Amino acid sequence: MAKHKKITRDVLQYLGLFIVLGTNIVRLVLYSTGVAYTIPETTFNVWTYTAMGVAMALLLVSYLFPKRKQSA
């Protein structure tokens, strides 16, 4: 079985995905435990939008790298 080489484009896209998922999961856990109600809403929003911005920036940077060629 041949090992697949990690492509920078794929790694950056998955990293962006995990940042978005992680942000939403942490936000959900904080709201469900009640901890989020002690944190100011502006702090919560800044944290969320910063994470989303970083994820979008990673996604845009990932398109600078060549796409992996699919074997037939």
PDB file of N, CA and C in Angstrom:
ATOM      1  N   MET A   1       0.839  -1.170   0.000  1.00  0.00           N
ATOM      2  CA  MET A   1       0.000   0.000   0.000  1.00  0.00           C
ATOM      3  C   MET A   1       0.891   1.243   0.000  1.00  0.00           C
ATOM      4  N   ALA A   2       0.685   2.089  -0.950  1.00  0.00           N
ATOM      5  CA  ALA A   2       1.511   3.283  -1.074  1.00  0.00           C
ATOM      6  C   ALA A   2       1.050   4.342  -0.072  1.00  0.00           C
ATOM      7  N   LYS A   3       2.018   5.007   0.527  1.00  0.00           N
ATOM      8  CA  LYS A   3       1.682   6.079   1.468  1.00  0.00           C
ATOM      9  C   LYS A   3       1.408   7.358   0.685  1.00  0.00           C
ATOM     10  N   HIS A   4       0.383   8.043   1.121  1.00  0.00           N
ATOM     11  CA  HIS A   4       0.031   9.292   0.458  1.00  0.00           C
ATOM     12  C   HIS A   4       0.824  10.425   1.087  1.00  0.00           C
ATOM     13  N   LYS A   5       1.378  11.262   0.241  1.00  0.00           N
ATOM     14  CA  LYS A   5       2.118  12.423   0.712  1.00  0.00           C
ATOM     15  C   LYS A   5       1.115  13.493   1.140  1.00  0.00           C
ATOM     16  N   LYS A   6       1.372  14.088   2.284  1.00  0.00           N
ATOM     17  CA  LYS A   6       0.489  15.150   2.757  1.00  0.00           C
ATOM     18  C   LYS A   6       0.668  16.383   1.876  1.00  0.00           C
ATOM     19  N   ILE A   7      -0.404  16.858   1.346  1.00  0.00           N
ATOM     20  CA  ILE A   7      -0.391  18.027   0.484  1.00  0.00           C
ATOM     21  C   ILE A   7      -0.705  19.256   1.347  1.00  0.00           C
ATOM     22  N   THR A   8       0.063  20.311   1.163  1.00  0.00           N
ATOM     23  CA  THR A   8      -0.095  21.517   1.970  1.00  0.00           C
ATOM     24  C   THR A   8      -1.500  22.087   1.833  1.00  0.00           C
ATOM     25  N   ARG A   9      -2.041  22.012   0.639  1.00  0.00           N
ATOM     26  CA  ARG A   9      -3.384  22.549   0.408  1.00  0.00           C
ATOM     27  C   ARG A   9      -4.411  21.820   1.266  1.00  0.00           C
ATOM     28  N   ASP A  10      -4.355  20.502   1.277  1.00  0.00           N
ATOM     29  CA  ASP A  10      -5.300  19.717   2.064  1.00  0.00           C
ATOM     30  C   ASP A  10      -5.134  19.967   3.557  1.00  0.00           C
ATOM     31  N   VAL A  11      -3.896  20.064   4.002  1.00  0.00           N
ATOM     32  CA  VAL A  11      -3.634  20.291   5.426  1.00  0.00           C
ATOM     33  C   VAL A  11      -4.208  21.632   5.869  1.00  0.00           C
ATOM     34  N   LEU A  12      -4.008  22.670   5.080  1.00  0.00           N
ATOM     35  CA  LEU A  12      -4.535  23.989   5.430  1.00  0.00           C
ATOM     36  C   LEU A  12      -6.061  24.006   5.429  1.00  0.00           C
ATOM     37  N   GLN A  13      -6.673  23.310   4.480  1.00  0.00           N
ATOM     38  CA  GLN A  13      -8.132  23.279   4.433  1.00  0.00           C
ATOM     39  C   GLN A  13      -8.711  22.513   5.618  1.00  0.00           C
ATOM     40  N   TYR A  14      -8.086  21.409   5.983  1.00  0.00           N
ATOM     41  CA  TYR A  14      -8.558  20.670   7.152  1.00  0.00           C
ATOM     42  C   TYR A  14      -8.326  21.458   8.437  1.00  0.00           C
ATOM     43  N   LEU A  15      -7.228  22.180   8.520  1.00  0.00           N
ATOM     44  CA  LEU A  15      -6.962  23.004   9.690  1.00  0.00           C
ATOM     45  C   LEU A  15      -8.033  24.083   9.837  1.00  0.00           C
ATOM     46  N   GLY A  16      -8.411  24.707   8.736  1.00  0.00           N
ATOM     47  CA  GLY A  16      -9.491  25.688   8.762  1.00  0.00           C
ATOM     48  C   GLY A  16     -10.812  25.074   9.190  1.00  0.00           C
ATOM     49  N   LEU A  17     -11.091  23.871   8.701  1.00  0.00           N
ATOM     50  CA  LEU A  17     -12.319  23.172   9.087  1.00  0.00           C
ATOM     51  C   LEU A  17     -12.334  22.882  10.582  1.00  0.00           C
ATOM     52  N   PHE A  18     -11.221  22.399  11.114  1.00  0.00           N
ATOM     53  CA  PHE A  18     -11.163  22.061  12.534  1.00  0.00           C
ATOM     54  C   PHE A  18     -11.234  23.309  13.415  1.00  0.00           C
ATOM     55  N   ILE A  19     -10.730  24.429  12.935  1.00  0.00           N
ATOM     56  CA  ILE A  19     -10.863  25.674  13.697  1.00  0.00           C
ATOM     57  C   ILE A  19     -12.332  26.076  13.793  1.00  0.00           C
ATOM     58  N   VAL A  20     -13.053  25.994  12.683  1.00  0.00           N
ATOM     59  CA  VAL A  20     -14.477  26.348  12.682  1.00  0.00           C
ATOM     60  C   VAL A  20     -15.272  25.386  13.565  1.00  0.00           C
ATOM     61  N   LEU A  21     -15.041  24.088  13.396  1.00  0.00           N
ATOM     62  CA  LEU A  21     -15.762  23.112  14.208  1.00  0.00           C
ATOM     63  C   LEU A  21     -15.427  23.262  15.687  1.00  0.00           C
ATOM     64  N   GLY A  22     -14.153  23.450  15.987  1.00  0.00           N
ATOM     65  CA  GLY A  22     -13.739  23.605  17.383  1.00  0.00           C
ATOM     66  C   GLY A  22     -14.348  24.835  18.028  1.00  0.00           C
ATOM     67  N   THR A  23     -14.405  25.926  17.287  1.00  0.00           N
ATOM     68  CA  THR A  23     -15.003  27.153  17.808  1.00  0.00           C
ATOM     69  C   THR A  23     -16.467  26.941  18.146  1.00  0.00           C
ATOM     70  N   ASN A  24     -17.189  26.304  17.245  1.00  0.00           N
ATOM     71  CA  ASN A  24     -18.614  26.088  17.489  1.00  0.00           C
ATOM     72  C   ASN A  24     -18.862  25.082  18.603  1.00  0.00           C
ATOM     73  N   ILE A  25     -18.028  24.062  18.711  1.00  0.00           N
ATOM     74  CA  ILE A  25     -18.192  23.072  19.780  1.00  0.00           C
ATOM     75  C   ILE A  25     -17.906  23.700  21.141  1.00  0.00           C
ATOM     76  N   VAL A  26     -16.832  24.486  21.228  1.00  0.00           N
ATOM     77  CA  VAL A  26     -16.518  25.155  22.495  1.00  0.00           C
ATOM     78  C   VAL A  26     -17.625  26.129  22.868  1.00  0.00           C
ATOM     79  N   ARG A  27     -18.137  26.854  21.892  1.00  0.00           N
ATOM     80  CA  ARG A  27     -19.234  27.792  22.156  1.00  0.00           C
ATOM     81  C   ARG A  27     -20.477  27.053  22.668  1.00  0.00           C
ATOM     82  N   LEU A  28     -20.789  25.923  22.055  1.00  0.00           N
ATOM     83  CA  LEU A  28     -21.939  25.129  22.479  1.00  0.00           C
ATOM     84  C   LEU A  28     -21.753  24.589  23.896  1.00  0.00           C
ATOM     85  N   VAL A  29     -20.559  24.101  24.200  1.00  0.00           N
ATOM     86  CA  VAL A  29     -20.281  23.574  25.542  1.00  0.00           C
ATOM     87  C   VAL A  29     -20.370  24.686  26.583  1.00  0.00           C
ATOM     88  N   LEU A  30     -19.827  25.850  26.267  1.00  0.00           N
ATOM     89  CA  LEU A  30     -19.882  26.957  27.222  1.00  0.00           C
ATOM     90  C   LEU A  30     -21.314  27.415  27.473  1.00  0.00           C
ATOM     91  N   TYR A  31     -22.140  27.429  26.443  1.00  0.00           N
ATOM     92  CA  TYR A  31     -23.539  27.805  26.638  1.00  0.00           C
ATOM     93  C   TYR A  31     -24.308  26.729  27.396  1.00  0.00           C
ATOM     94  N   SER A  32     -24.051  25.465  27.104  1.00  0.00           N
ATOM     95  CA  SER A  32     -24.801  24.393  27.765  1.00  0.00           C
ATOM     96  C   SER A  32     -24.419  24.241  29.233  1.00  0.00           C
ATOM     97  N   THR A  33     -23.179  24.580  29.601  1.00  0.00           N
ATOM     98  CA  THR A  33     -22.775  24.499  31.005  1.00  0.00           C
ATOM     99  C   THR A  33     -23.101  25.771  31.773  1.00  0.00           C
ATOM    100  N   GLY A  34     -23.427  26.839  31.084  1.00  0.00           N
ATOM    101  CA  GLY A  34     -23.774  28.090  31.741  1.00  0.00           C
ATOM    102  C   GLY A  34     -22.599  29.024  31.954  1.00  0.00           C
ATOM    103  N   VAL A  35     -21.419  28.607  31.585  1.00  0.00           N
ATOM    104  CA  VAL A  35     -20.230  29.448  31.751  1.00  0.00           C
ATOM    105  C   VAL A  35     -20.296  30.656  30.827  1.00  0.00           C
ATOM    106  N   ALA A  36     -20.920  30.502  29.688  1.00  0.00           N
ATOM    107  CA  ALA A  36     -20.970  31.581  28.696  1.00  0.00           C
ATOM    108  C   ALA A  36     -21.735  32.792  29.212  1.00  0.00           C
ATOM    109  N   TYR A  37     -22.607  32.584  30.181  1.00  0.00           N
ATOM    110  CA  TYR A  37     -23.400  33.704  30.682  1.00  0.00           C
ATOM    111  C   TYR A  37     -22.596  34.606  31.610  1.00  0.00           C
ATOM    112  N   THR A  38     -21.419  34.143  32.056  1.00  0.00           N
ATOM    113  CA  THR A  38     -20.551  34.983  32.887  1.00  0.00           C
ATOM    114  C   THR A  38     -19.548  35.764  32.041  1.00  0.00           C
ATOM    115  N   ILE A  39     -19.402  35.394  30.775  1.00  0.00           N
ATOM    116  CA  ILE A  39     -18.475  36.065  29.861  1.00  0.00           C
ATOM    117  C   ILE A  39     -19.247  37.149  29.107  1.00  0.00           C
ATOM    118  N   PRO A  40     -18.687  38.347  28.985  1.00  0.00           N
ATOM    119  CA  PRO A  40     -19.382  39.388  28.209  1.00  0.00           C
ATOM    120  C   PRO A  40     -19.618  38.941  26.758  1.00  0.00           C
ATOM    121  N   GLU A  41     -20.745  39.348  26.229  1.00  0.00           N
ATOM    122  CA  GLU A  41     -21.134  38.934  24.874  1.00  0.00           C
ATOM    123  C   GLU A  41     -20.155  39.448  23.820  1.00  0.00           C
ATOM    124  N   THR A  42     -19.618  40.640  24.027  1.00  0.00           N
ATOM    125  CA  THR A  42     -18.670  41.176  23.046  1.00  0.00           C
ATOM    126  C   THR A  42     -17.397  40.341  22.996  1.00  0.00           C
ATOM    127  N   THR A  43     -16.935  39.871  24.149  1.00  0.00           N
ATOM    128  CA  THR A  43     -15.748  39.009  24.179  1.00  0.00           C
ATOM    129  C   THR A  43     -16.021  37.711  23.439  1.00  0.00           C
ATOM    130  N   PHE A  44     -17.192  37.175  23.655  1.00  0.00           N
ATOM    131  CA  PHE A  44     -17.585  35.933  22.998  1.00  0.00           C
ATOM    132  C   PHE A  44     -17.647  36.108  21.486  1.00  0.00           C
ATOM    133  N   ASN A  45     -18.230  37.221  21.045  1.00  0.00           N
ATOM    134  CA  ASN A  45     -18.341  37.474  19.607  1.00  0.00           C
ATOM    135  C   ASN A  45     -16.987  37.732  18.965  1.00  0.00           C
ATOM    136  N   VAL A  46     -16.124  38.488  19.641  1.00  0.00           N
ATOM    137  CA  VAL A  46     -14.789  38.757  19.096  1.00  0.00           C
ATOM    138  C   VAL A  46     -14.025  37.455  18.935  1.00  0.00           C
ATOM    139  N   TRP A  47     -14.111  36.580  19.930  1.00  0.00           N
ATOM    140  CA  TRP A  47     -13.418  35.289  19.874  1.00  0.00           C
ATOM    141  C   TRP A  47     -13.934  34.449  18.700  1.00  0.00           C
ATOM    142  N   THR A  48     -15.249  34.414  18.537  1.00  0.00           N
ATOM    143  CA  THR A  48     -15.842  33.616  17.464  1.00  0.00           C
ATOM    144  C   THR A  48     -15.474  34.167  16.087  1.00  0.00           C
ATOM    145  N   TYR A  49     -15.625  35.470  15.897  1.00  0.00           N
ATOM    146  CA  TYR A  49     -15.350  36.052  14.586  1.00  0.00           C
ATOM    147  C   TYR A  49     -13.866  36.043  14.246  1.00  0.00           C
ATOM    148  N   THR A  50     -13.007  36.127  15.251  1.00  0.00           N
ATOM    149  CA  THR A  50     -11.572  36.011  15.001  1.00  0.00           C
ATOM    150  C   THR A  50     -11.229  34.613  14.512  1.00  0.00           C
ATOM    151  N   ALA A  51     -11.803  33.608  15.147  1.00  0.00           N
ATOM    152  CA  ALA A  51     -11.561  32.227  14.720  1.00  0.00           C
ATOM    153  C   ALA A  51     -12.090  31.990  13.309  1.00  0.00           C
ATOM    154  N   MET A  52     -13.259  32.520  13.005  1.00  0.00           N
ATOM    155  CA  MET A  52     -13.811  32.365  11.659  1.00  0.00           C
ATOM    156  C   MET A  52     -12.936  33.086  10.624  1.00  0.00           C
ATOM    157  N   GLY A  53     -12.432  34.249  10.977  1.00  0.00           N
ATOM    158  CA  GLY A  53     -11.555  34.983  10.068  1.00  0.00           C
ATOM    159  C   GLY A  53     -10.252  34.253   9.801  1.00  0.00           C
ATOM    160  N   VAL A  54      -9.670  33.663  10.848  1.00  0.00           N
ATOM    161  CA  VAL A  54      -8.440  32.887  10.676  1.00  0.00           C
ATOM    162  C   VAL A  54      -8.706  31.676   9.791  1.00  0.00           C
ATOM    163  N   ALA A  55      -9.837  31.015  10.006  1.00  0.00           N
ATOM    164  CA  ALA A  55     -10.176  29.846   9.192  1.00  0.00           C
ATOM    165  C   ALA A  55     -10.372  30.237   7.726  1.00  0.00           C
ATOM    166  N   MET A  56     -11.033  31.360   7.480  1.00  0.00           N
ATOM    167  CA  MET A  56     -11.218  31.808   6.093  1.00  0.00           C
ATOM    168  C   MET A  56      -9.891  32.201   5.457  1.00  0.00           C
ATOM    169  N   ALA A  57      -9.015  32.829   6.229  1.00  0.00           N
ATOM    170  CA  ALA A  57      -7.700  33.197   5.704  1.00  0.00           C
ATOM    171  C   ALA A  57      -6.905  31.946   5.337  1.00  0.00           C
ATOM    172  N   LEU A  58      -6.959  30.915   6.176  1.00  0.00           N
ATOM    173  CA  LEU A  58      -6.282  29.654   5.858  1.00  0.00           C
ATOM    174  C   LEU A  58      -6.848  29.034   4.589  1.00  0.00           C
ATOM    175  N   LEU A  59      -8.164  29.103   4.443  1.00  0.00           N
ATOM    176  CA  LEU A  59      -8.791  28.550   3.248  1.00  0.00           C
ATOM    177  C   LEU A  59      -8.342  29.300   1.995  1.00  0.00           C
ATOM    178  N   LEU A  60      -8.277  30.618   2.073  1.00  0.00           N
ATOM    179  CA  LEU A  60      -7.832  31.398   0.919  1.00  0.00           C
ATOM    180  C   LEU A  60      -6.361  31.151   0.601  1.00  0.00           C
ATOM    181  N   VAL A  61      -5.528  31.029   1.622  1.00  0.00           N
ATOM    182  CA  VAL A  61      -4.105  30.758   1.402  1.00  0.00           C
ATOM    183  C   VAL A  61      -3.921  29.370   0.808  1.00  0.00           C
ATOM    184  N   SER A  62      -4.789  28.431   1.180  1.00  0.00           N
ATOM    185  CA  SER A  62      -4.645  27.061   0.678  1.00  0.00           C
ATOM    186  C   SER A  62      -4.806  26.990  -0.836  1.00  0.00           C
ATOM    187  N   TYR A  63      -5.543  27.935  -1.422  1.00  0.00           N
ATOM    188  CA  TYR A  63      -5.734  27.922  -2.870  1.00  0.00           C
ATOM    189  C   TYR A  63      -4.499  28.401  -3.629  1.00  0.00           C
ATOM    190  N   LEU A  64      -3.492  28.896  -2.922  1.00  0.00           N
ATOM    191  CA  LEU A  64      -2.244  29.273  -3.575  1.00  0.00           C
ATOM    192  C   LEU A  64      -1.389  28.055  -3.908  1.00  0.00           C
ATOM    193  N   PHE A  65      -1.674  26.931  -3.267  1.00  0.00           N
ATOM    194  CA  PHE A  65      -0.910  25.710  -3.495  1.00  0.00           C
ATOM    195  C   PHE A  65      -1.599  24.862  -4.559  1.00  0.00           C
ATOM    196  N   PRO A  66      -0.838  24.078  -5.315  1.00  0.00           N
ATOM    197  CA  PRO A  66      -1.437  23.287  -6.395  1.00  0.00           C
ATOM    198  C   PRO A  66      -2.356  22.194  -5.858  1.00  0.00           C
ATOM    199  N   LYS A  67      -3.357  21.903  -6.662  1.00  0.00           N
ATOM    200  CA  LYS A  67      -4.305  20.857  -6.304  1.00  0.00           C
ATOM    201  C   LYS A  67      -3.677  19.494  -6.558  1.00  0.00           C
ATOM    202  N   ARG A  68      -4.009  18.522  -5.705  1.00  0.00           N
ATOM    203  CA  ARG A  68      -3.473  17.177  -5.871  1.00  0.00           C
ATOM    204  C   ARG A  68      -4.094  16.539  -7.110  1.00  0.00           C
ATOM    205  N   LYS A  69      -3.272  15.882  -7.900  1.00  0.00           N
ATOM    206  CA  LYS A  69      -3.768  15.204  -9.095  1.00  0.00           C
ATOM    207  C   LYS A  69      -4.353  13.866  -8.695  1.00  0.00           C
ATOM    208  N   GLN A  70      -5.550  13.585  -9.199  1.00  0.00           N
ATOM    209  CA  GLN A  70      -6.209  12.326  -8.884  1.00  0.00           C
ATOM    210  C   GLN A  70      -5.792  11.270  -9.891  1.00  0.00           C
ATOM    211  N   SER A  71      -5.506  10.091  -9.374  1.00  0.00           N
ATOM    212  CA  SER A  71      -5.154   8.995 -10.283  1.00  0.00           C
ATOM    213  C   SER A  71      -6.424   8.293 -10.737  1.00  0.00           C
ATOM    214  N   ALA A  72      -6.442   7.870 -11.971  1.00  0.00           N
ATOM    215  CA  ALA A  72      -7.636   7.255 -12.549  1.00  0.00           C
ATOM    216  C   ALA A  72      -7.753   5.803 -12.195  1.00  0.00           C
TER     217      ALA A  72
END
